[in-house]
N, C-alpha and C. Protein backbone atom coordinates (compact mmCIF):
# COMPACT_ATOMS: atom_id res chain seq x y z
N MET A 1 -14.86 2.28 -3.94
CA MET A 1 -13.80 3.02 -3.31
C MET A 1 -12.52 2.93 -4.13
N ARG A 2 -12.24 1.74 -4.65
CA ARG A 2 -11.02 1.55 -5.44
C ARG A 2 -11.04 2.45 -6.68
N TYR A 3 -12.21 2.55 -7.32
CA TYR A 3 -12.31 3.35 -8.53
C TYR A 3 -12.18 4.83 -8.21
N ARG A 4 -12.71 5.23 -7.07
CA ARG A 4 -12.60 6.63 -6.67
C ARG A 4 -11.14 6.98 -6.41
N LEU A 5 -10.44 6.10 -5.70
CA LEU A 5 -9.02 6.34 -5.42
C LEU A 5 -8.21 6.37 -6.71
N THR A 6 -8.52 5.47 -7.63
CA THR A 6 -7.84 5.44 -8.93
C THR A 6 -8.09 6.74 -9.69
N PHE A 7 -9.32 7.20 -9.66
CA PHE A 7 -9.66 8.45 -10.35
C PHE A 7 -8.91 9.63 -9.75
N ILE A 8 -8.93 9.73 -8.42
CA ILE A 8 -8.25 10.84 -7.74
C ILE A 8 -6.76 10.81 -8.03
N THR A 9 -6.16 9.62 -7.98
CA THR A 9 -4.74 9.50 -8.28
C THR A 9 -4.45 9.92 -9.71
N GLY A 10 -5.28 9.46 -10.64
CA GLY A 10 -5.10 9.83 -12.04
C GLY A 10 -5.25 11.32 -12.27
N ALA A 11 -6.23 11.92 -11.60
CA ALA A 11 -6.44 13.36 -11.74
C ALA A 11 -5.24 14.13 -11.20
N ALA A 12 -4.72 13.68 -10.05
CA ALA A 12 -3.56 14.37 -9.47
C ALA A 12 -2.34 14.25 -10.37
N VAL A 13 -2.10 13.05 -10.88
CA VAL A 13 -0.95 12.84 -11.77
C VAL A 13 -1.13 13.66 -13.05
N GLY A 14 -2.33 13.67 -13.59
CA GLY A 14 -2.59 14.46 -14.79
C GLY A 14 -2.37 15.94 -14.56
N TYR A 15 -2.81 16.40 -13.41
CA TYR A 15 -2.62 17.82 -13.11
C TYR A 15 -1.13 18.16 -13.00
N VAL A 16 -0.40 17.31 -12.29
CA VAL A 16 1.03 17.58 -12.12
C VAL A 16 1.74 17.55 -13.46
N LEU A 17 1.44 16.54 -14.27
CA LEU A 17 2.12 16.42 -15.57
C LEU A 17 1.68 17.50 -16.55
N GLY A 18 0.43 17.93 -16.44
CA GLY A 18 -0.08 18.91 -17.40
C GLY A 18 -0.06 20.34 -16.92
N ALA A 19 0.33 20.56 -15.70
CA ALA A 19 0.28 21.92 -15.15
C ALA A 19 1.27 22.82 -15.86
N ARG A 20 0.82 24.03 -16.09
CA ARG A 20 1.70 25.01 -16.71
C ARG A 20 2.13 26.07 -15.69
N ALA A 21 1.91 25.76 -14.43
CA ALA A 21 2.21 26.72 -13.37
C ALA A 21 3.70 26.82 -13.09
N GLY A 22 4.46 25.84 -13.53
CA GLY A 22 5.90 25.92 -13.34
C GLY A 22 6.41 25.10 -12.18
N ARG A 23 7.69 25.26 -11.95
CA ARG A 23 8.39 24.48 -10.95
C ARG A 23 7.90 24.77 -9.53
N GLU A 24 7.53 26.00 -9.23
CA GLU A 24 7.08 26.34 -7.88
C GLU A 24 5.84 25.55 -7.50
N ARG A 25 4.89 25.49 -8.41
CA ARG A 25 3.65 24.75 -8.13
C ARG A 25 3.94 23.26 -7.98
N TYR A 26 4.83 22.74 -8.79
CA TYR A 26 5.21 21.33 -8.69
C TYR A 26 5.81 21.05 -7.31
N GLU A 27 6.69 21.93 -6.85
CA GLU A 27 7.31 21.76 -5.53
C GLU A 27 6.27 21.85 -4.42
N GLU A 28 5.29 22.75 -4.55
CA GLU A 28 4.22 22.85 -3.56
C GLU A 28 3.43 21.54 -3.48
N LEU A 29 3.09 21.00 -4.64
CA LEU A 29 2.33 19.75 -4.68
C LEU A 29 3.14 18.60 -4.09
N ARG A 30 4.41 18.58 -4.39
CA ARG A 30 5.28 17.52 -3.86
C ARG A 30 5.38 17.59 -2.34
N LYS A 31 5.53 18.80 -1.80
CA LYS A 31 5.59 18.97 -0.35
C LYS A 31 4.27 18.56 0.30
N ALA A 32 3.16 18.93 -0.33
CA ALA A 32 1.85 18.55 0.22
C ALA A 32 1.66 17.04 0.22
N ALA A 33 2.08 16.39 -0.85
CA ALA A 33 1.98 14.93 -0.92
C ALA A 33 2.85 14.28 0.14
N ARG A 34 4.03 14.81 0.36
CA ARG A 34 4.93 14.27 1.39
C ARG A 34 4.33 14.46 2.78
N ARG A 35 3.71 15.64 3.04
CA ARG A 35 3.08 15.88 4.33
C ARG A 35 1.94 14.89 4.57
N ILE A 36 1.16 14.64 3.53
CA ILE A 36 0.06 13.69 3.66
C ILE A 36 0.59 12.29 3.92
N ALA A 37 1.61 11.90 3.20
CA ALA A 37 2.17 10.56 3.35
C ALA A 37 2.80 10.36 4.72
N GLN A 38 3.28 11.42 5.34
CA GLN A 38 3.92 11.30 6.65
C GLN A 38 2.94 11.48 7.80
N ASN A 39 1.69 11.76 7.51
CA ASN A 39 0.66 11.92 8.53
C ASN A 39 0.44 10.59 9.24
N PRO A 40 0.48 10.57 10.58
CA PRO A 40 0.30 9.31 11.31
C PRO A 40 -1.03 8.61 11.01
N ALA A 41 -2.10 9.35 10.81
CA ALA A 41 -3.39 8.73 10.50
C ALA A 41 -3.33 8.01 9.15
N VAL A 42 -2.69 8.62 8.18
CA VAL A 42 -2.56 8.01 6.86
C VAL A 42 -1.68 6.77 6.96
N ARG A 43 -0.61 6.87 7.71
CA ARG A 43 0.29 5.72 7.87
C ARG A 43 -0.43 4.55 8.55
N ASN A 44 -1.19 4.85 9.61
CA ASN A 44 -1.92 3.79 10.30
C ASN A 44 -2.95 3.14 9.38
N THR A 45 -3.63 3.94 8.59
CA THR A 45 -4.62 3.40 7.66
C THR A 45 -3.94 2.53 6.61
N ALA A 46 -2.81 2.98 6.09
CA ALA A 46 -2.08 2.18 5.10
C ALA A 46 -1.58 0.88 5.72
N GLU A 47 -1.12 0.95 6.94
CA GLU A 47 -0.64 -0.25 7.62
C GLU A 47 -1.79 -1.23 7.86
N SER A 48 -2.94 -0.71 8.27
CA SER A 48 -4.11 -1.56 8.48
C SER A 48 -4.53 -2.23 7.18
N ALA A 49 -4.54 -1.45 6.11
CA ALA A 49 -4.92 -2.01 4.81
C ALA A 49 -3.95 -3.10 4.38
N ALA A 50 -2.67 -2.89 4.60
CA ALA A 50 -1.67 -3.89 4.24
C ALA A 50 -1.84 -5.16 5.06
N GLN A 51 -2.08 -5.00 6.36
CA GLN A 51 -2.27 -6.16 7.22
C GLN A 51 -3.53 -6.93 6.83
N ASN A 52 -4.61 -6.21 6.55
CA ASN A 52 -5.85 -6.86 6.13
C ASN A 52 -5.67 -7.58 4.80
N GLY A 53 -4.95 -6.96 3.89
CA GLY A 53 -4.68 -7.59 2.60
C GLY A 53 -3.88 -8.86 2.74
N ARG A 54 -2.86 -8.82 3.61
CA ARG A 54 -2.07 -10.03 3.84
C ARG A 54 -2.91 -11.13 4.46
N ALA A 55 -3.77 -10.76 5.41
CA ALA A 55 -4.62 -11.76 6.06
C ALA A 55 -5.60 -12.38 5.05
N LEU A 56 -6.20 -11.54 4.22
CA LEU A 56 -7.13 -12.06 3.20
C LEU A 56 -6.41 -12.95 2.19
N ALA A 57 -5.23 -12.53 1.77
CA ALA A 57 -4.46 -13.33 0.82
C ALA A 57 -4.05 -14.67 1.44
N SER A 58 -3.70 -14.63 2.71
CA SER A 58 -3.32 -15.86 3.40
C SER A 58 -4.50 -16.82 3.49
N ARG A 59 -5.67 -16.28 3.85
CA ARG A 59 -6.87 -17.13 3.93
C ARG A 59 -7.24 -17.70 2.56
N ALA A 60 -7.11 -16.88 1.53
CA ALA A 60 -7.43 -17.35 0.18
C ALA A 60 -6.46 -18.45 -0.24
N ALA A 61 -5.19 -18.28 0.07
CA ALA A 61 -4.20 -19.31 -0.28
C ALA A 61 -4.47 -20.60 0.49
N ASP A 62 -4.90 -20.47 1.75
CA ASP A 62 -5.23 -21.66 2.54
C ASP A 62 -6.43 -22.40 1.95
N LYS A 63 -7.41 -21.64 1.43
CA LYS A 63 -8.61 -22.27 0.88
C LYS A 63 -8.32 -23.07 -0.38
N VAL A 64 -7.47 -22.52 -1.25
CA VAL A 64 -7.19 -23.23 -2.50
C VAL A 64 -6.16 -24.33 -2.31
N GLY A 65 -5.41 -24.22 -1.23
CA GLY A 65 -4.51 -25.29 -0.81
C GLY A 65 -3.70 -25.95 -1.90
N GLY A 66 -3.98 -27.23 -2.14
CA GLY A 66 -3.19 -28.04 -3.06
C GLY A 66 -3.41 -27.73 -4.53
N ARG A 67 -4.33 -26.85 -4.85
CA ARG A 67 -4.60 -26.53 -6.26
C ARG A 67 -3.64 -25.51 -6.83
N LEU A 68 -2.80 -24.93 -5.98
CA LEU A 68 -1.82 -23.96 -6.47
C LEU A 68 -0.62 -24.67 -7.07
N PRO A 69 0.00 -24.08 -8.09
CA PRO A 69 1.24 -24.65 -8.62
C PRO A 69 2.33 -24.65 -7.54
N GLY A 70 3.25 -25.56 -7.65
CA GLY A 70 4.31 -25.69 -6.66
C GLY A 70 5.12 -24.43 -6.46
N SER A 71 5.40 -23.71 -7.53
CA SER A 71 6.21 -22.49 -7.42
C SER A 71 5.48 -21.43 -6.59
N VAL A 72 4.15 -21.35 -6.75
CA VAL A 72 3.37 -20.37 -6.00
C VAL A 72 3.33 -20.78 -4.52
N SER A 73 3.12 -22.06 -4.26
CA SER A 73 3.10 -22.55 -2.88
C SER A 73 4.43 -22.30 -2.19
N ASP A 74 5.52 -22.52 -2.90
CA ASP A 74 6.84 -22.27 -2.34
C ASP A 74 7.04 -20.80 -2.01
N ARG A 75 6.59 -19.94 -2.91
CA ARG A 75 6.73 -18.50 -2.69
C ARG A 75 5.91 -18.06 -1.48
N ILE A 76 4.70 -18.55 -1.35
CA ILE A 76 3.86 -18.21 -0.20
C ILE A 76 4.53 -18.66 1.08
N ARG A 77 5.04 -19.87 1.08
CA ARG A 77 5.71 -20.40 2.27
C ARG A 77 6.91 -19.53 2.62
N SER A 78 7.70 -19.12 1.63
CA SER A 78 8.88 -18.32 1.91
C SER A 78 8.50 -16.93 2.44
N LEU A 79 7.43 -16.35 1.91
CA LEU A 79 6.97 -15.04 2.41
C LEU A 79 6.47 -15.14 3.85
N ARG A 80 5.78 -16.22 4.16
CA ARG A 80 5.29 -16.41 5.54
C ARG A 80 6.45 -16.57 6.51
N GLU A 81 7.51 -17.23 6.09
CA GLU A 81 8.66 -17.41 6.96
C GLU A 81 9.41 -16.10 7.18
N GLN A 82 9.42 -15.22 6.17
CA GLN A 82 10.12 -13.95 6.27
C GLN A 82 9.40 -12.96 7.17
N ARG A 83 8.08 -13.06 7.22
CA ARG A 83 7.27 -12.11 7.97
C ARG A 83 7.52 -12.26 9.46
N VAL A 84 7.78 -11.13 10.11
CA VAL A 84 7.95 -11.11 11.56
C VAL A 84 6.80 -10.29 12.12
N ALA A 85 5.96 -10.88 12.94
CA ALA A 85 4.75 -10.23 13.43
C ALA A 85 5.04 -8.99 14.27
N ASP A 86 6.13 -8.98 15.03
CA ASP A 86 6.40 -7.87 15.94
C ASP A 86 7.10 -6.71 15.26
N GLU A 87 7.67 -6.93 14.10
CA GLU A 87 8.42 -5.89 13.41
C GLU A 87 7.45 -4.94 12.72
N ASP A 88 7.72 -3.65 12.85
CA ASP A 88 6.86 -2.64 12.29
C ASP A 88 7.73 -1.59 11.62
N ASP A 89 7.64 -1.45 10.30
CA ASP A 89 8.50 -0.54 9.55
C ASP A 89 8.24 0.94 9.90
N TRP A 90 7.02 1.25 10.30
CA TRP A 90 6.66 2.65 10.50
C TRP A 90 6.66 3.07 11.96
N GLY A 91 6.89 2.14 12.86
CA GLY A 91 6.91 2.50 14.27
C GLY A 91 5.53 2.72 14.86
N THR A 92 4.52 2.21 14.18
CA THR A 92 3.15 2.34 14.68
C THR A 92 2.57 0.95 14.84
N SER A 93 1.48 0.87 15.56
CA SER A 93 0.84 -0.42 15.74
C SER A 93 -0.65 -0.22 15.89
N ASN A 94 -1.42 -1.12 15.34
CA ASN A 94 -2.87 -1.04 15.42
C ASN A 94 -3.46 -2.02 16.42
N THR A 95 -2.64 -2.57 17.26
CA THR A 95 -3.15 -3.54 18.22
C THR A 95 -3.62 -2.89 19.48
């Protein structure tokens, strides 16, 4: 899935950068990308992926425990303290 997403992103960027259709086509693509990014389903999926990634990273950090350098452990601790579970940047929730 990651490679497919990377390929699609690369193809889209290549098309935009290489398109000879002009400014109008660029603006159309930009508006379409903005519409997709503002879609609630896309936002919820991105939020879920971010939450899952944070949970996996947290579990991985817990497993390696004392084997991490002090600077990394300090950074993890500071990020955990900054995180507020109830705060939601997008106004959506998957609970």
